């Protein structure tokens, strides 16, 4: 791979995540966005015009028409592996949104193809770049709460079916546990090591008007003896997350609702001007910027990946076990022994 003053990047996917990544890449001087690939032709054209970039229908077309160093995959999860393989065989580095795949078998296939073609595969487990979760992990590893005992984590959003989104299709996203829960499962693996055993419950509620609600509760026993409870919800009015980490010497807590930006309401005859919101993140650089900047530095050889492919595969392995537990109504063991 040649080294250029600016790395040439093509984003695959024109949806919410694809546009978020385009926003972040456009803030980096060392990056040149040379195109976007998407199946939705109308949105593809609109997004390409917004960012002043070329649009393409496929990886093959993009490679034939322009120079590119990195493909950034922001598409439904069920498409990740095929896109990774195609980009890797073309000797291009790959950044891919989480999760790597819907199952361990295909995740390993993607990793193997990337290794065979000597290209980097970097998976976007963004929670590792949120300061609250980074700090909590650091405090745990430094012994601030003593020996960890019980961990409670919650994550909830509105049900994706309200937006007719692909997220609501389990064949595409993997569903509640794979798409939403993998954030917390990856953080637990990163912080406490392997998962020994899981037990999960899943409740779905569907109304005739198309409104759906889902709730999941997962109990995980980590290999060091720590017990973690993860509550997941596709039934909220707005995004919510929280953590409660209890140990032999203390506790760490974080609640997203207690750290929201202020919202200023002004009386106005123009309803569109009645509410003004500060930026979503008060950080100078958002977690998404920090993640993509880190990935870029990894490809440039300036940093070692915070997230390895093996770790991304392990997160998929945990979600597979959880889905199996829900289906069979039984605990599922991932490793023998443990504390």
C-alpha atoms as a PDB file:
ATOM      1  CA  UNK A   1       0.000   0.000   0.000  1.00  0.00           C
ATOM      2  CA  UNK A   2       1.475   3.291  -1.043  1.00  0.00           C
ATOM      3  CA  UNK A   3       1.745   6.132   1.460  1.00  0.00           C
ATOM      4  CA  UNK A   4       0.074   9.350   0.389  1.00  0.00           C
ATOM      5  CA  UNK A   5      -0.002  12.753   1.964  1.00  0.00           C
ATOM      6  CA  UNK A   6      -3.752  12.258   2.164  1.00  0.00           C
ATOM      7  CA  UNK A   7      -5.373   8.872   2.605  1.00  0.00           C
ATOM      8  CA  UNK A   8      -8.125   8.345   0.060  1.00  0.00           C
ATOM      9  CA  UNK A   9     -11.325   7.013   1.598  1.00  0.00           C
ATOM     10  CA  UNK A  10     -14.613   5.752   0.190  1.00  0.00           C
ATOM     11  CA  UNK A  11     -17.594   5.314   2.511  1.00  0.00           C
ATOM     12  CA  UNK A  12     -19.965   2.444   1.762  1.00  0.00           C
ATOM     13  CA  UNK A  13     -23.478   3.272   2.962  1.00  0.00           C
ATOM     14  CA  UNK A  14     -25.489   6.493   2.732  1.00  0.00           C
ATOM     15  CA  UNK A  15     -27.641   6.066   5.844  1.00  0.00           C
ATOM     16  CA  UNK A  16     -27.272   7.617   9.283  1.00  0.00           C
ATOM     17  CA  UNK A  17     -23.959   5.930  10.074  1.00  0.00           C
ATOM     18  CA  UNK A  18     -22.509   6.555   6.643  1.00  0.00           C
ATOM     19  CA  UNK A  19     -23.298  10.253   6.860  1.00  0.00           C
ATOM     20  CA  UNK A  20     -21.908  10.433  10.397  1.00  0.00           C
ATOM     21  CA  UNK A  21     -18.635   8.958   9.156  1.00  0.00           C
ATOM     22  CA  UNK A  22     -18.582  11.371   6.217  1.00  0.00           C
ATOM     23  CA  UNK A  23     -19.007  14.268   8.665  1.00  0.00           C
ATOM     24  CA  UNK A  24     -16.071  13.037  10.742  1.00  0.00           C
ATOM     25  CA  UNK A  25     -13.753  12.309   7.803  1.00  0.00           C
ATOM     26  CA  UNK A  26     -14.440  15.774   6.381  1.00  0.00           C
ATOM     27  CA  UNK A  27     -12.925  17.262   9.571  1.00  0.00           C
ATOM     28  CA  UNK A  28      -9.534  15.585   9.021  1.00  0.00           C
ATOM     29  CA  UNK A  29      -6.916  17.360   6.914  1.00  0.00           C
ATOM     30  CA  UNK A  30      -4.995  14.157   6.217  1.00  0.00           C
ATOM     31  CA  UNK A  31      -8.023  12.506   4.576  1.00  0.00           C
ATOM     32  CA  UNK A  32      -9.530  12.896   1.127  1.00  0.00           C
ATOM     33  CA  UNK A  33     -13.035  11.490   0.675  1.00  0.00           C
ATOM     34  CA  UNK A  34     -13.039  10.287  -2.919  1.00  0.00           C
ATOM     35  CA  UNK A  35     -16.474   8.726  -3.105  1.00  0.00           C
ATOM     36  CA  UNK A  36     -19.499   7.012  -1.651  1.00  0.00           C
ATOM     37  CA  UNK A  37     -21.140   3.688  -2.516  1.00  0.00           C
ATOM     38  CA  UNK A  38     -24.795   2.884  -1.784  1.00  0.00           C
ATOM     39  CA  UNK A  39     -27.751   0.963  -3.159  1.00  0.00           C
ATOM     40  CA  UNK A  40     -30.363   3.682  -2.556  1.00  0.00           C
ATOM     41  CA  UNK A  41     -29.784   5.689  -5.738  1.00  0.00           C
ATOM     42  CA  UNK A  42     -31.811   8.737  -4.702  1.00  0.00           C
ATOM     43  CA  UNK A  43     -30.130   9.114  -1.332  1.00  0.00           C
ATOM     44  CA  UNK A  44     -26.754   8.248  -2.869  1.00  0.00           C
ATOM     45  CA  UNK A  45     -27.049  11.177  -5.260  1.00  0.00           C
ATOM     46  CA  UNK A  46     -28.210  13.557  -2.531  1.00  0.00           C
ATOM     47  CA  UNK A  47     -25.410  12.604  -0.123  1.00  0.00           C
ATOM     48  CA  UNK A  48     -22.771  12.760  -2.868  1.00  0.00           C
ATOM     49  CA  UNK A  49     -23.953  16.260  -3.807  1.00  0.00           C
ATOM     50  CA  UNK A  50     -23.945  17.373  -0.160  1.00  0.00           C
ATOM     51  CA  UNK A  51     -20.299  16.379   0.305  1.00  0.00           C
ATOM     52  CA  UNK A  52     -19.159  17.171  -3.236  1.00  0.00           C
ATOM     53  CA  UNK A  53     -17.918  13.641  -3.896  1.00  0.00           C
ATOM     54  CA  UNK A  54     -18.378  11.014  -6.593  1.00  0.00           C
ATOM     55  CA  UNK A  55     -20.954   8.266  -6.260  1.00  0.00           C
ATOM     56  CA  UNK A  56     -20.484   4.628  -7.235  1.00  0.00           C
ATOM     57  CA  UNK A  57     -22.683   1.551  -7.393  1.00  0.00           C
ATOM     58  CA  UNK A  58     -20.116  -0.991  -6.240  1.00  0.00           C
ATOM     59  CA  UNK A  59     -16.588  -1.545  -4.936  1.00  0.00           C
ATOM     60  CA  UNK A  60     -15.521  -2.812  -8.369  1.00  0.00           C
ATOM     61  CA  UNK A  61     -16.774   0.338 -10.088  1.00  0.00           C
ATOM     62  CA  UNK A  62     -15.098   2.590  -7.534  1.00  0.00           C
ATOM     63  CA  UNK A  63     -11.741   0.817  -7.859  1.00  0.00           C
ATOM     64  CA  UNK A  64     -11.949   0.984 -11.646  1.00  0.00           C
ATOM     65  CA  UNK A  65     -12.608   4.725 -11.659  1.00  0.00           C
ATOM     66  CA  UNK A  66     -10.546   6.186  -8.793  1.00  0.00           C
ATOM     67  CA  UNK A  67      -7.636   5.621  -6.426  1.00  0.00           C
ATOM     68  CA  UNK A  68      -8.668   4.517  -2.941  1.00  0.00           C
ATOM     69  CA  UNK A  69      -6.741   3.375   0.131  1.00  0.00           C
ATOM     70  CA  UNK A  70      -9.539   2.646   2.614  1.00  0.00           C
ATOM     71  CA  UNK A  71     -13.110   1.424   2.395  1.00  0.00           C
ATOM     72  CA  UNK A  72     -15.272   2.452   5.361  1.00  0.00           C
ATOM     73  CA  UNK A  73     -18.249   0.072   5.628  1.00  0.00           C
ATOM     74  CA  UNK A  74     -21.435   1.523   7.170  1.00  0.00           C
ATOM     75  CA  UNK A  75     -24.047  -0.903   5.837  1.00  0.00           C
ATOM     76  CA  UNK A  76     -26.452  -3.478   7.322  1.00  0.00           C
ATOM     77  CA  UNK A  77     -24.600  -6.139   9.304  1.00  0.00           C
ATOM     78  CA  UNK A  78     -25.577  -8.999   6.983  1.00  0.00           C
ATOM     79  CA  UNK A  79     -23.585  -7.318   4.168  1.00  0.00           C
ATOM     80  CA  UNK A  80     -20.360  -6.760   6.135  1.00  0.00           C
ATOM     81  CA  UNK A  81     -18.528  -9.989   5.358  1.00  0.00           C
ATOM     82  CA  UNK A  82     -19.049  -9.952   1.583  1.00  0.00           C
ATOM     83  CA  UNK A  83     -17.960  -6.306   1.368  1.00  0.00           C
ATOM     84  CA  UNK A  84     -14.914  -6.944   3.583  1.00  0.00           C
ATOM     85  CA  UNK A  85     -13.834  -9.875   1.421  1.00  0.00           C
ATOM     86  CA  UNK A  86     -14.190  -7.896  -1.808  1.00  0.00           C
ATOM     87  CA  UNK A  87     -12.256  -4.906  -0.457  1.00  0.00           C
ATOM     88  CA  UNK A  88      -9.537  -7.124   1.041  1.00  0.00           C
ATOM     89  CA  UNK A  89      -9.010  -9.036  -2.204  1.00  0.00           C
ATOM     90  CA  UNK A  90      -8.479  -5.649  -3.866  1.00  0.00           C
ATOM     91  CA  UNK A  91      -5.708  -4.981  -1.291  1.00  0.00           C
ATOM     92  CA  UNK A  92      -7.580  -2.125   0.397  1.00  0.00           C
ATOM     93  CA  UNK A  93      -7.677  -1.456   4.140  1.00  0.00           C
ATOM     94  CA  UNK A  94     -11.078  -1.736   5.788  1.00  0.00           C
ATOM     95  CA  UNK A  95     -12.910   0.070   8.546  1.00  0.00           C
ATOM     96  CA  UNK A  96     -16.220  -1.603   9.383  1.00  0.00           C
ATOM     97  CA  UNK A  97     -19.036  -0.672  11.725  1.00  0.00           C
ATOM     98  CA  UNK A  98     -19.874  -3.111  14.496  1.00  0.00           C
ATOM     99  CA  UNK A  99     -20.710  -5.936  14.678  1.00  0.00           C
ATOM    100  CA  UNK A 100     -18.200  -7.629  12.411  1.00  0.00           C
ATOM    101  CA  UNK A 101     -20.749 -10.254  11.373  1.00  0.00           C
ATOM    102  CA  UNK A 102     -23.923 -12.031  12.428  1.00  0.00           C
ATOM    103  CA  UNK A 103     -22.044 -15.208  13.395  1.00  0.00           C
ATOM    104  CA  UNK A 104     -18.570 -16.384  14.353  1.00  0.00           C
ATOM    105  CA  UNK A 105     -18.026 -18.587  11.314  1.00  0.00           C
ATOM    106  CA  UNK A 106     -18.356 -15.774   8.767  1.00  0.00           C
ATOM    107  CA  UNK A 107     -16.538 -13.325  11.052  1.00  0.00           C
ATOM    108  CA  UNK A 108     -13.524 -15.649  11.015  1.00  0.00           C
ATOM    109  CA  UNK A 109     -13.763 -15.942   7.231  1.00  0.00           C
ATOM    110  CA  UNK A 110     -13.565 -12.158   6.890  1.00  0.00           C
ATOM    111  CA  UNK A 111     -10.565 -12.006   9.237  1.00  0.00           C
ATOM    112  CA  UNK A 112      -8.775 -14.756   7.291  1.00  0.00           C
ATOM    113  CA  UNK A 113      -9.223 -13.025   3.925  1.00  0.00           C
ATOM    114  CA  UNK A 114      -7.865  -9.764   5.356  1.00  0.00           C
ATOM    115  CA  UNK A 115      -4.837 -11.532   6.846  1.00  0.00           C
ATOM    116  CA  UNK A 116      -4.146 -13.372   3.575  1.00  0.00           C
ATOM    117  CA  UNK A 117      -4.151 -10.071   1.673  1.00  0.00           C
ATOM    118  CA  UNK A 118      -2.123  -8.189   4.318  1.00  0.00           C
ATOM    119  CA  UNK A 119      -4.721  -5.478   4.878  1.00  0.00           C
ATOM    120  CA  UNK A 120      -5.961  -4.050   8.158  1.00  0.00           C
ATOM    121  CA  UNK A 121      -9.504  -4.729   9.367  1.00  0.00           C
ATOM    122  CA  UNK A 122     -10.688  -2.319  12.059  1.00  0.00           C
ATOM    123  CA  UNK A 123     -14.093  -2.757  13.715  1.00  0.00           C
ATOM    124  CA  UNK A 124     -16.036   0.197  15.142  1.00  0.00           C
ATOM    125  CA  UNK A 125     -16.852  -0.717  18.734  1.00  0.00           C
ATOM    126  CA  UNK A 126     -17.309   2.953  19.551  1.00  0.00           C
ATOM    127  CA  UNK A 127     -18.059   2.556  23.262  1.00  0.00           C
ATOM    128  CA  UNK A 128     -14.326   2.093  23.837  1.00  0.00           C
ATOM    129  CA  UNK A 129     -13.878   5.751  22.843  1.00  0.00           C
ATOM    130  CA  UNK A 130     -16.509   7.237  25.162  1.00  0.00           C
ATOM    131  CA  UNK A 131     -14.684   8.934  28.084  1.00  0.00           C
ATOM    132  CA  UNK A 132     -17.146   7.671  30.716  1.00  0.00           C
ATOM    133  CA  UNK A 133     -16.590   4.041  29.776  1.00  0.00           C
ATOM    134  CA  UNK A 134     -12.860   4.489  29.248  1.00  0.00           C
ATOM    135  CA  UNK A 135     -12.510   6.067  32.690  1.00  0.00           C
ATOM    136  CA  UNK A 136     -14.654   3.412  34.381  1.00  0.00           C
ATOM    137  CA  UNK A 137     -12.498   0.647  32.894  1.00  0.00           C
ATOM    138  CA  UNK A 138      -9.300   2.403  33.952  1.00  0.00           C
ATOM    139  CA  UNK A 139     -10.553   2.771  37.524  1.00  0.00           C
ATOM    140  CA  UNK A 140     -11.550  -0.894  37.684  1.00  0.00           C
ATOM    141  CA  UNK A 141      -8.175  -2.079  36.389  1.00  0.00           C
ATOM    142  CA  UNK A 142      -6.418   0.197  38.884  1.00  0.00           C
ATOM    143  CA  UNK A 143      -8.397  -1.324  41.766  1.00  0.00           C
ATOM    144  CA  UNK A 144     -10.473   1.735  42.617  1.00  0.00           C
ATOM    145  CA  UNK A 145     -13.497  -0.394  43.598  1.00  0.00           C
ATOM    146  CA  UNK A 146     -11.491  -3.374  44.840  1.00  0.00           C
ATOM    147  CA  UNK A 147     -12.531  -6.770  43.527  1.00  0.00           C
ATOM    148  CA  UNK A 148     -15.458  -6.285  41.120  1.00  0.00           C
ATOM    149  CA  UNK A 149     -18.601  -8.107  42.180  1.00  0.00           C
ATOM    150  CA  UNK A 150     -21.794  -7.130  40.364  1.00  0.00           C
ATOM    151  CA  UNK A 151     -22.090  -5.026  37.230  1.00  0.00           C
ATOM    152  CA  UNK A 152     -25.370  -3.542  35.963  1.00  0.00           C
ATOM    153  CA  UNK A 153     -25.565  -2.009  32.503  1.00  0.00           C
ATOM    154  CA  UNK A 154     -28.579  -0.580  30.676  1.00  0.00           C
ATOM    155  CA  UNK A 155     -28.991   0.553  27.092  1.00  0.00           C
ATOM    156  CA  UNK A 156     -32.235   1.561  25.406  1.00  0.00           C
ATOM    157  CA  UNK A 157     -33.512   3.310  22.290  1.00  0.00           C
ATOM    158  CA  UNK A 158     -36.873   3.631  20.509  1.00  0.00           C
ATOM    159  CA  UNK A 159     -37.839   0.554  18.520  1.00  0.00           C
ATOM    160  CA  UNK A 160     -36.270   0.833  15.046  1.00  0.00           C
ATOM    161  CA  UNK A 161     -39.475  -0.316  13.327  1.00  0.00           C
ATOM    162  CA  UNK A 162     -40.877   3.183  13.864  1.00  0.00           C
ATOM    163  CA  UNK A 163     -38.525   4.344  11.111  1.00  0.00           C
ATOM    164  CA  UNK A 164     -39.035   1.268   8.901  1.00  0.00           C
ATOM    165  CA  UNK A 165     -35.344   0.627   9.485  1.00  0.00           C
ATOM    166  CA  UNK A 166     -33.294  -2.456   8.552  1.00  0.00           C
ATOM    167  CA  UNK A 167     -32.280  -2.622  12.224  1.00  0.00           C
ATOM    168  CA  UNK A 168     -35.681  -4.146  13.025  1.00  0.00           C
ATOM    169  CA  UNK A 169     -35.034  -7.040  10.630  1.00  0.00           C
ATOM    170  CA  UNK A 170     -33.150  -9.710  12.593  1.00  0.00           C
ATOM    171  CA  UNK A 171     -31.898 -11.311   9.379  1.00  0.00           C
ATOM    172  CA  UNK A 172     -30.072  -8.063   8.581  1.00  0.00           C
ATOM    173  CA  UNK A 173     -29.089  -6.654  11.981  1.00  0.00           C
ATOM    174  CA  UNK A 174     -29.180  -9.683  14.258  1.00  0.00           C
ATOM    175  CA  UNK A 175     -31.807  -7.991  16.410  1.00  0.00           C
ATOM    176  CA  UNK A 176     -31.746  -6.470  19.873  1.00  0.00           C
ATOM    177  CA  UNK A 177     -28.885  -8.496  21.374  1.00  0.00           C
ATOM    178  CA  UNK A 178     -26.550  -8.431  18.373  1.00  0.00           C
ATOM    179  CA  UNK A 179     -27.007  -4.847  17.244  1.00  0.00           C
ATOM    180  CA  UNK A 180     -27.717  -2.946  20.465  1.00  0.00           C
ATOM    181  CA  UNK A 181     -26.285  -5.207  23.156  1.00  0.00           C
ATOM    182  CA  UNK A 182     -22.916  -5.806  21.522  1.00  0.00           C
ATOM    183  CA  UNK A 183     -21.777  -2.361  22.746  1.00  0.00           C
ATOM    184  CA  UNK A 184     -21.975  -3.472  26.370  1.00  0.00           C
ATOM    185  CA  UNK A 185     -20.839  -7.047  25.746  1.00  0.00           C
ATOM    186  CA  UNK A 186     -17.677  -5.772  24.049  1.00  0.00           C
ATOM    187  CA  UNK A 187     -16.987  -3.394  26.946  1.00  0.00           C
ATOM    188  CA  UNK A 188     -17.388  -6.231  29.455  1.00  0.00           C
ATOM    189  CA  UNK A 189     -14.963  -8.415  27.478  1.00  0.00           C
ATOM    190  CA  UNK A 190     -12.500  -5.517  27.201  1.00  0.00           C
ATOM    191  CA  UNK A 191     -12.686  -4.841  30.929  1.00  0.00           C
ATOM    192  CA  UNK A 192     -13.120  -8.242  32.613  1.00  0.00           C
ATOM    193  CA  UNK A 193     -11.867 -10.787  30.098  1.00  0.00           C
ATOM    194  CA  UNK A 194     -13.734 -13.789  28.736  1.00  0.00           C
ATOM    195  CA  UNK A 195     -17.357 -14.670  29.390  1.00  0.00           C
ATOM    196  CA  UNK A 196     -17.788 -18.050  31.058  1.00  0.00           C
ATOM    197  CA  UNK A 197     -21.566 -18.445  30.873  1.00  0.00           C
ATOM    198  CA  UNK A 198     -24.669 -16.521  29.772  1.00  0.00           C
ATOM    199  CA  UNK A 199     -28.392 -16.722  30.460  1.00  0.00           C
ATOM    200  CA  UNK A 200     -30.838 -14.478  28.616  1.00  0.00           C
ATOM    201  CA  UNK A 201     -34.526 -13.596  28.363  1.00  0.00           C
ATOM    202  CA  UNK A 202     -36.258 -11.769  25.533  1.00  0.00           C
ATOM    203  CA  UNK A 203     -39.761 -10.264  25.468  1.00  0.00           C
ATOM    204  CA  UNK A 204     -41.431  -8.940  22.329  1.00  0.00           C
ATOM    205  CA  UNK A 205     -44.698  -7.031  22.133  1.00  0.00           C
ATOM    206  CA  UNK A 206     -46.319  -6.141  18.819  1.00  0.00           C
ATOM    207  CA  UNK A 207     -49.397  -4.002  18.207  1.00  0.00           C
ATOM    208  CA  UNK A 208     -51.697  -4.127  15.194  1.00  0.00           C
ATOM    209  CA  UNK A 209     -50.754  -0.543  14.293  1.00  0.00           C
ATOM    210  CA  UNK A 210     -47.176  -1.625  13.644  1.00  0.00           C
ATOM    211  CA  UNK A 211     -45.732  -0.375  16.926  1.00  0.00           C
ATOM    212  CA  UNK A 212     -43.369  -2.856  18.536  1.00  0.00           C
ATOM    213  CA  UNK A 213     -41.557  -3.081  21.864  1.00  0.00           C
ATOM    214  CA  UNK A 214     -38.682  -5.373  22.843  1.00  0.00           C
ATOM    215  CA  UNK A 215     -36.852  -6.009  26.095  1.00  0.00           C
ATOM    216  CA  UNK A 216     -33.896  -8.227  26.866  1.00  0.00           C
ATOM    217  CA  UNK A 217     -32.105  -9.179  30.083  1.00  0.00           C
ATOM    218  CA  UNK A 218     -28.769 -10.964  29.988  1.00  0.00           C
ATOM    219  CA  UNK A 219     -26.841 -12.403  32.935  1.00  0.00           C
ATOM    220  CA  UNK A 220     -23.165 -12.996  32.222  1.00  0.00           C
ATOM    221  CA  UNK A 221     -20.641 -14.720  34.465  1.00  0.00           C
ATOM    222  CA  UNK A 222     -17.175 -13.502  33.579  1.00  0.00           C
ATOM    223  CA  UNK A 223     -14.148 -15.785  33.856  1.00  0.00           C
ATOM    224  CA  UNK A 224     -12.866 -13.824  36.887  1.00  0.00           C
ATOM    225  CA  UNK A 225     -16.123 -14.429  38.776  1.00  0.00           C
ATOM    226  CA  UNK A 226     -17.693 -11.018  38.138  1.00  0.00           C
ATOM    227  CA  UNK A 227     -21.453 -11.144  37.506  1.00  0.00           C
ATOM    228  CA  UNK A 228     -22.888  -8.723  34.962  1.00  0.00           C
ATOM    229  CA  UNK A 229     -26.532  -7.897  34.266  1.00  0.00           C
ATOM    230  CA  UNK A 230     -27.239  -6.177  30.956  1.00  0.00           C
ATOM    231  CA  UNK A 231     -30.703  -4.721  30.306  1.00  0.00           C
ATOM    232  CA  UNK A 232     -31.534  -3.908  26.694  1.00  0.00           C
ATOM    233  CA  UNK A 233     -34.600  -2.112  25.404  1.00  0.00           C
ATOM    234  CA  UNK A 234     -36.123  -1.229  22.066  1.00  0.00           C
ATOM    235  CA  UNK A 235     -38.991   0.476  23.881  1.00  0.00           C
ATOM    236  CA  UNK A 236     -37.680   3.887  24.967  1.00  0.00           C
ATOM    237  CA  UNK A 237     -38.815   7.359  23.965  1.00  0.00           C
ATOM    238  CA  UNK A 238     -35.203   8.466  23.604  1.00  0.00           C
ATOM    239  CA  UNK A 239     -31.685   7.022  23.941  1.00  0.00           C
ATOM    240  CA  UNK A 240     -30.634   5.996  27.441  1.00  0.00           C
ATOM    241  CA  UNK A 241     -27.639   4.199  28.930  1.00  0.00           C
ATOM    242  CA  UNK A 242     -26.251   3.695  32.410  1.00  0.00           C
ATOM    243  CA  UNK A 243     -23.723   1.608  34.318  1.00  0.00           C
ATOM    244  CA  UNK A 244     -23.376   0.623  37.974  1.00  0.00           C
ATOM    245  CA  UNK A 245     -20.138  -1.114  38.931  1.00  0.00           C
ATOM    246  CA  UNK A 246     -19.949  -2.492  42.475  1.00  0.00           C
ATOM    247  CA  UNK A 247     -16.845  -3.942  44.085  1.00  0.00           C
ATOM    248  CA  UNK A 248     -15.416  -4.845  47.472  1.00  0.00           C
ATOM    249  CA  UNK A 249     -14.172  -1.283  48.095  1.00  0.00           C
ATOM    250  CA  UNK A 250     -16.639   0.952  46.310  1.00  0.00           C
ATOM    251  CA  UNK A 251     -18.914   1.697  43.363  1.00  0.00           C
ATOM    252  CA  UNK A 252     -18.760   3.542  40.042  1.00  0.00           C
ATOM    253  CA  UNK A 253     -21.961   4.863  38.469  1.00  0.00           C
ATOM    254  CA  UNK A 254     -22.793   6.683  35.260  1.00  0.00           C
ATOM    255  CA  UNK A 255     -26.181   7.716  33.875  1.00  0.00           C
ATOM    256  CA  UNK A 256     -26.473   9.271  30.430  1.00  0.00           C
ATOM    257  CA  UNK A 257     -29.600  11.217  31.440  1.00  0.00           C
ATOM    258  CA  UNK A 258     -27.642  13.063  34.118  1.00  0.00           C
ATOM    259  CA  UNK A 259     -25.042  14.320  31.645  1.00  0.00           C
ATOM    260  CA  UNK A 260     -27.262  15.527  28.807  1.00  0.00           C
ATOM    261  CA  UNK A 261     -26.636  18.839  27.109  1.00  0.00           C
ATOM    262  CA  UNK A 262     -28.852  21.731  28.130  1.00  0.00           C
ATOM    263  CA  UNK A 263     -31.763  22.615  25.899  1.00  0.00           C
ATOM    264  CA  UNK A 264     -32.828  26.250  25.653  1.00  0.00           C
ATOM    265  CA  UNK A 265     -36.460  27.029  24.788  1.00  0.00           C
ATOM    266  CA  UNK A 266     -37.304  30.508  23.499  1.00  0.00           C
ATOM    267  CA  UNK A 267     -40.811  31.876  22.946  1.00  0.00           C
ATOM    268  CA  UNK A 268     -41.240  32.488  19.257  1.00  0.00           C
ATOM    269  CA  UNK A 269     -44.046  32.603  16.723  1.00  0.00           C
ATOM    270  CA  UNK A 270     -41.820  30.540  14.468  1.00  0.00           C
ATOM    271  CA  UNK A 271     -42.089  27.008  15.886  1.00  0.00           C
ATOM    272  CA  UNK A 272     -38.899  25.963  14.125  1.00  0.00           C
ATOM    273  CA  UNK A 273     -36.937  28.428  16.252  1.00  0.00           C
ATOM    274  CA  UNK A 274     -38.471  27.578  19.624  1.00  0.00           C
ATOM    275  CA  UNK A 275     -35.764  25.146  20.710  1.00  0.00           C
ATOM    276  CA  UNK A 276     -31.997  25.438  20.469  1.00  0.00           C
ATOM    277  CA  UNK A 277     -29.747  22.509  21.316  1.00  0.00           C
ATOM    278  CA  UNK A 278     -26.007  22.618  22.052  1.00  0.00           C
ATOM    279  CA  UNK A 279     -23.859  20.007  20.304  1.00  0.00           C
ATOM    280  CA  UNK A 280     -24.662  16.394  21.241  1.00  0.00           C
ATOM    281  CA  UNK A 281     -21.145  15.945  22.629  1.00  0.00           C
ATOM    282  CA  UNK A 282     -19.506  18.671  24.695  1.00  0.00           C
ATOM    283  CA  UNK A 283     -16.084  17.156  23.967  1.00  0.00           C
ATOM    284  CA  UNK A 284     -13.853  19.036  21.573  1.00  0.00           C
ATOM    285  CA  UNK A 285     -13.555  15.797  19.596  1.00  0.00           C
ATOM    286  CA  UNK A 286     -16.491  13.382  19.661  1.00  0.00           C
ATOM    287  CA  UNK A 287     -16.003   9.659  20.384  1.00  0.00           C
ATOM    288  CA  UNK A 288     -16.689   8.990  16.708  1.00  0.00           C
ATOM    289  CA  UNK A 289     -13.929  11.399  15.670  1.00  0.00           C
ATOM    290  CA  UNK A 290     -11.512   9.852  18.150  1.00  0.00           C
ATOM    291  CA  UNK A 291     -12.338   6.363  16.906  1.00  0.00           C
ATOM    292  CA  UNK A 292     -11.854   7.123  13.206  1.00  0.00           C
ATOM    293  CA  UNK A 293      -8.732   9.164  13.918  1.00  0.00           C
ATOM    294  CA  UNK A 294      -7.328   6.187  15.823  1.00  0.00           C
ATOM    295  CA  UNK A 295      -8.190   3.830  12.958  1.00  0.00           C
ATOM    296  CA  UNK A 296      -6.489   6.164  10.488  1.00  0.00           C
ATOM    297  CA  UNK A 297      -3.361   6.252  12.655  1.00  0.00           C
ATOM    298  CA  UNK A 298      -3.384   2.445  12.837  1.00  0.00           C
ATOM    299  CA  UNK A 299      -3.413   2.207   9.046  1.00  0.00           C
ATOM    300  CA  UNK A 300      -0.614   4.779   8.866  1.00  0.00           C
ATOM    301  CA  UNK A 301       1.428   2.724  11.336  1.00  0.00           C
ATOM    302  CA  UNK A 302       1.328   5.393  14.065  1.00  0.00           C
ATOM    303  CA  UNK A 303      -0.713   3.413  16.620  1.00  0.00           C
ATOM    304  CA  UNK A 304      -1.614  -0.156  17.519  1.00  0.00           C
ATOM    305  CA  UNK A 305      -5.337  -1.031  17.307  1.00  0.00           C
ATOM    306  CA  UNK A 306      -7.306  -0.606  20.521  1.00  0.00           C
ATOM    307  CA  UNK A 307      -9.789  -3.106  19.082  1.00  0.00           C
ATOM    308  CA  UNK A 308      -8.354  -6.275  17.562  1.00  0.00           C
ATOM    309  CA  UNK A 309     -10.155  -8.492  15.075  1.00  0.00           C
ATOM    310  CA  UNK A 310     -10.017 -11.364  17.558  1.00  0.00           C
ATOM    311  CA  UNK A 311     -11.813  -9.193  20.127  1.00  0.00           C
ATOM    312  CA  UNK A 312     -14.481  -8.285  17.578  1.00  0.00           C
ATOM    313  CA  UNK A 313     -14.966 -12.006  16.856  1.00  0.00           C
ATOM    314  CA  UNK A 314     -15.213 -12.724  20.588  1.00  0.00           C
ATOM    315  CA  UNK A 315     -18.022 -10.164  20.916  1.00  0.00           C
ATOM    316  CA  UNK A 316     -19.912 -11.921  18.121  1.00  0.00           C
ATOM    317  CA  UNK A 317     -19.338 -15.240  19.901  1.00  0.00           C
ATOM    318  CA  UNK A 318     -20.980 -13.875  23.047  1.00  0.00           C
ATOM    319  CA  UNK A 319     -24.035 -12.620  21.142  1.00  0.00           C
ATOM    320  CA  UNK A 320     -24.363 -16.014  19.451  1.00  0.00           C
ATOM    321  CA  UNK A 321     -24.438 -17.697  22.858  1.00  0.00           C
ATOM    322  CA  UNK A 322     -27.019 -15.200  24.127  1.00  0.00           C
ATOM    323  CA  UNK A 323     -29.326 -15.782  21.164  1.00  0.00           C
ATOM    324  CA  UNK A 324     -28.964 -19.538  21.731  1.00  0.00           C
ATOM    325  CA  UNK A 325     -29.847 -19.093  25.411  1.00  0.00           C
ATOM    326  CA  UNK A 326     -33.000 -17.169  24.489  1.00  0.00           C
ATOM    327  CA  UNK A 327     -34.014 -19.811  21.968  1.00  0.00           C
ATOM    328  CA  UNK A 328     -33.480 -22.772  24.326  1.00  0.00           C
ATOM    329  CA  UNK A 329     -34.392 -21.028  27.612  1.00  0.00           C
ATOM    330  CA  UNK A 330     -31.191 -22.436  29.106  1.00  0.00           C
ATOM    331  CA  UNK A 331     -27.799 -21.085  30.207  1.00  0.00           C
ATOM    332  CA  UNK A 332     -25.016 -21.424  27.630  1.00  0.00           C
ATOM    333  CA  UNK A 333     -21.365 -21.982  28.584  1.00  0.00           C
ATOM    334  CA  UNK A 334     -18.634 -20.451  26.439  1.00  0.00           C
ATOM    335  CA  UNK A 335     -15.583 -21.674  28.361  1.00  0.00           C
ATOM    336  CA  UNK A 336     -14.968 -24.276  31.026  1.00  0.00           C
ATOM    337  CA  UNK A 337     -13.659 -23.460  34.467  1.00  0.00           C
ATOM    338  CA  UNK A 338     -13.380 -19.854  35.623  1.00  0.00           C
ATOM    339  CA  UNK A 339     -13.605 -18.580  39.174  1.00  0.00           C
END
